[in-house]
Protein backbone atom coordinates (compact mmCIF):
# COMPACT_ATOMS: atom_id res chain seq x y z
CA UNK A 1 -0.10 0.08 0.10
CA UNK A 2 1.57 3.30 -1.20
CA UNK A 3 0.65 6.75 0.30
CA UNK A 4 -2.80 8.51 -0.74
CA UNK A 5 -1.01 11.87 -0.85
CA UNK A 6 2.17 13.84 -0.08
CA UNK A 7 2.03 14.94 3.52
CA UNK A 8 3.03 18.85 2.46
CA UNK A 9 0.03 18.64 0.18
CA UNK A 10 -2.58 16.74 2.65
CA UNK A 11 -1.84 19.68 5.07
CA UNK A 12 -2.54 22.45 2.97
CA UNK A 13 -5.97 20.71 2.26
CA UNK A 14 -6.39 20.28 5.63
CA UNK A 15 -6.03 24.07 6.07
CA UNK A 16 -8.22 25.00 2.98
CA UNK A 17 -10.95 22.25 4.13
CA UNK A 18 -10.61 23.65 8.05
CA UNK A 19 -11.23 27.19 6.92
CA UNK A 20 -14.36 26.31 4.74
CA UNK A 21 -15.48 24.14 7.57
CA UNK A 22 -15.72 27.02 9.86
CA UNK A 23 -18.23 28.77 7.95
CA UNK A 24 -20.92 25.56 8.22
CA UNK A 25 -21.35 26.70 11.77
CA UNK A 26 -23.63 29.82 10.51
CA UNK A 27 -25.34 27.64 7.97
CA UNK A 28 -26.46 24.81 10.17
CA UNK A 29 -27.55 27.52 12.38
CA UNK A 30 -29.74 28.93 9.60
CA UNK A 31 -30.90 25.52 8.80
CA UNK A 32 -31.87 24.83 12.48
CA UNK A 33 -34.32 27.46 12.31
CA UNK A 34 -36.04 26.50 9.16
CA UNK A 35 -36.01 22.83 10.14
CA UNK A 36 -38.05 21.72 13.17
CA UNK A 37 -36.69 18.22 13.05
CA UNK A 38 -32.91 19.62 13.71
CA UNK A 39 -34.11 21.59 16.87
CA UNK A 40 -34.89 18.16 18.46
CA UNK A 41 -31.55 16.76 18.00
CA UNK A 42 -28.59 17.75 20.41
CA UNK A 43 -27.32 20.29 17.45
CA UNK A 44 -24.23 21.93 19.27
CA UNK A 45 -22.72 18.86 19.68
CA UNK A 46 -23.58 17.48 16.18
CA UNK A 47 -22.16 20.54 15.17
CA UNK A 48 -19.24 20.29 17.00
CA UNK A 49 -18.55 16.69 15.30
CA UNK A 50 -19.13 18.64 11.64
CA UNK A 51 -16.53 21.18 12.59
CA UNK A 52 -13.91 18.40 13.39
CA UNK A 53 -14.56 16.59 9.82
CA UNK A 54 -11.05 18.18 8.56
CA UNK A 55 -9.31 17.40 11.63
CA UNK A 56 -10.55 13.49 11.47
CA UNK A 57 -9.78 13.15 7.54
CA UNK A 58 -6.08 15.06 8.00
CA UNK A 59 -5.53 12.30 10.92
CA UNK A 60 -6.95 9.14 8.69
CA UNK A 61 -5.06 9.99 5.75
CA UNK A 62 -1.73 10.78 7.78
CA UNK A 63 -2.27 7.21 9.71
CA UNK A 64 -2.66 5.34 6.19
CA UNK A 65 0.55 7.48 5.12
CA UNK A 66 2.55 6.68 7.87
CA UNK A 67 4.82 3.59 7.73
CA UNK A 68 4.39 2.48 11.35
CA UNK A 69 0.87 2.00 11.08
CA UNK A 70 -0.41 -1.89 10.38
CA UNK A 71 -1.98 -3.39 7.15
CA UNK A 72 -4.68 -4.22 9.11
CA UNK A 73 -5.28 -0.77 10.64
CA UNK A 74 -4.87 0.76 7.11
CA UNK A 75 -7.64 -1.44 5.97
CA UNK A 76 -10.03 -0.42 8.27
CA UNK A 77 -9.01 3.45 7.68
CA UNK A 78 -9.49 2.60 3.94
CA UNK A 79 -12.81 1.61 4.90
CA UNK A 80 -13.96 4.70 6.88
CA UNK A 81 -12.03 7.16 4.30
CA UNK A 82 -14.72 5.62 1.67
CA UNK A 83 -17.83 5.95 3.67
CA UNK A 84 -16.74 9.70 3.84
CA UNK A 85 -16.34 9.34 -0.08
CA UNK A 86 -19.40 7.57 -0.76
CA UNK A 87 -22.51 9.75 -1.77
CA UNK A 88 -25.17 7.36 -0.34
CA UNK A 89 -24.72 6.97 3.17
CA UNK A 90 -26.93 7.19 6.12
CA UNK A 91 -27.38 10.96 6.20
CA UNK A 92 -26.39 12.02 2.68
CA UNK A 93 -24.35 15.34 2.55
CA UNK A 94 -25.62 16.07 -1.14
CA UNK A 95 -29.41 15.91 0.93
CA UNK A 96 -28.52 17.70 3.94
CA UNK A 97 -25.45 19.56 3.63
CA UNK A 98 -22.85 19.95 6.14
CA UNK A 99 -24.77 17.80 8.41
CA UNK A 100 -24.61 15.00 6.49
CA UNK A 101 -21.14 14.24 7.65
CA UNK A 102 -21.85 13.40 11.07
CA UNK A 103 -22.32 9.69 10.16
CA UNK A 104 -19.23 9.90 8.21
CA UNK A 105 -17.54 11.30 11.36
CA UNK A 106 -18.96 9.14 14.04
CA UNK A 107 -17.56 6.31 11.82
CA UNK A 108 -13.97 7.78 11.49
CA UNK A 109 -14.08 8.53 15.31
CA UNK A 110 -15.41 4.90 16.32
CA UNK A 111 -12.57 3.71 14.37
CA UNK A 112 -10.01 6.13 15.80
CA UNK A 113 -11.40 5.08 19.40
CA UNK A 114 -10.74 1.50 18.54
CA UNK A 115 -7.35 1.86 17.57
CA UNK A 116 -6.70 4.04 20.80
CA UNK A 117 -8.18 1.10 22.99
CA UNK A 118 -5.98 -1.44 21.29
CA UNK A 119 -2.63 -2.64 21.96
CA UNK A 120 -0.85 -1.30 19.22
CA UNK A 121 1.48 1.49 21.20
CA UNK A 122 3.06 2.46 17.88
CA UNK A 123 -0.45 3.31 16.19
CA UNK A 124 -1.58 4.69 19.67
CA UNK A 125 1.26 7.09 19.48
CA UNK A 126 1.23 8.24 15.99
CA UNK A 127 -2.56 9.34 16.79
CA UNK A 128 -1.18 11.43 19.27
CA UNK A 129 1.32 12.95 17.09
CA UNK A 130 -0.85 13.39 14.04
CA UNK A 131 -3.87 15.14 15.60
CA UNK A 132 -3.92 18.44 14.58
CA UNK A 133 -6.15 19.53 17.45
CA UNK A 134 -5.59 19.09 21.43
CA UNK A 135 -5.97 15.77 23.03
CA UNK A 136 -8.77 17.12 25.32
CA UNK A 137 -10.60 17.43 22.37
CA UNK A 138 -10.25 14.19 20.75
CA UNK A 139 -11.14 12.73 24.53
CA UNK A 140 -14.21 14.45 24.32
CA UNK A 141 -15.43 13.85 20.84
CA UNK A 142 -14.39 10.19 21.79
CA UNK A 143 -16.64 10.27 24.83
CA UNK A 144 -19.57 12.37 22.48
CA UNK A 145 -19.64 9.48 20.12
CA UNK A 146 -19.69 6.70 22.36
CA UNK A 147 -22.63 8.45 24.42
CA UNK A 148 -24.68 9.72 21.42
CA UNK A 149 -28.36 8.12 22.03
CA UNK A 150 -29.07 8.21 18.31
CA UNK A 151 -26.02 5.76 17.00
CA UNK A 152 -25.84 3.73 19.99
CA UNK A 153 -27.34 0.75 18.10
CA UNK A 154 -25.59 2.11 15.05
CA UNK A 155 -22.16 2.51 16.81
CA UNK A 156 -22.20 -1.25 18.01
CA UNK A 157 -22.55 -2.76 14.51
CA UNK A 158 -19.40 0.00 13.25
CA UNK A 159 -17.28 -1.56 16.83
CA UNK A 160 -18.12 -5.02 15.09
CA UNK A 161 -16.80 -4.14 11.94
CA UNK A 162 -13.68 -2.61 13.19
CA UNK A 163 -12.45 -5.23 15.20
């Protein structure tokens, strides 16, 4: 398995995407005002998930590019990245806009959580080194994803896939 992209290109892409995603917060707020269904969900937490999409994608691709990551873990990461790309998923981005990334990032964070709970010390260390935000934020995201009532059943199925 080769590298997906040069790390410098990935870092530039991450910066551009992070800037774009920062503007989604307003769009989601406007959508929440227009759609009653969105007022029922814990939108603040969900917006937090959408806003970390660039950091999560950056981390996954960086892990795939890293020689210290096992082949088995790389295959799992390819599955998670494929889900980001696949247009017809549980919450399609083309239909609902940025909110559609919630299921994608939940799957990716479940995978990251699985790796961090595993026994491969090199992979655990690499996640800490490659994550573009604070370690505390990653811990909060992992806890949030584990505790979202809306996806408990879905999350258990994801965990079975990644184990």
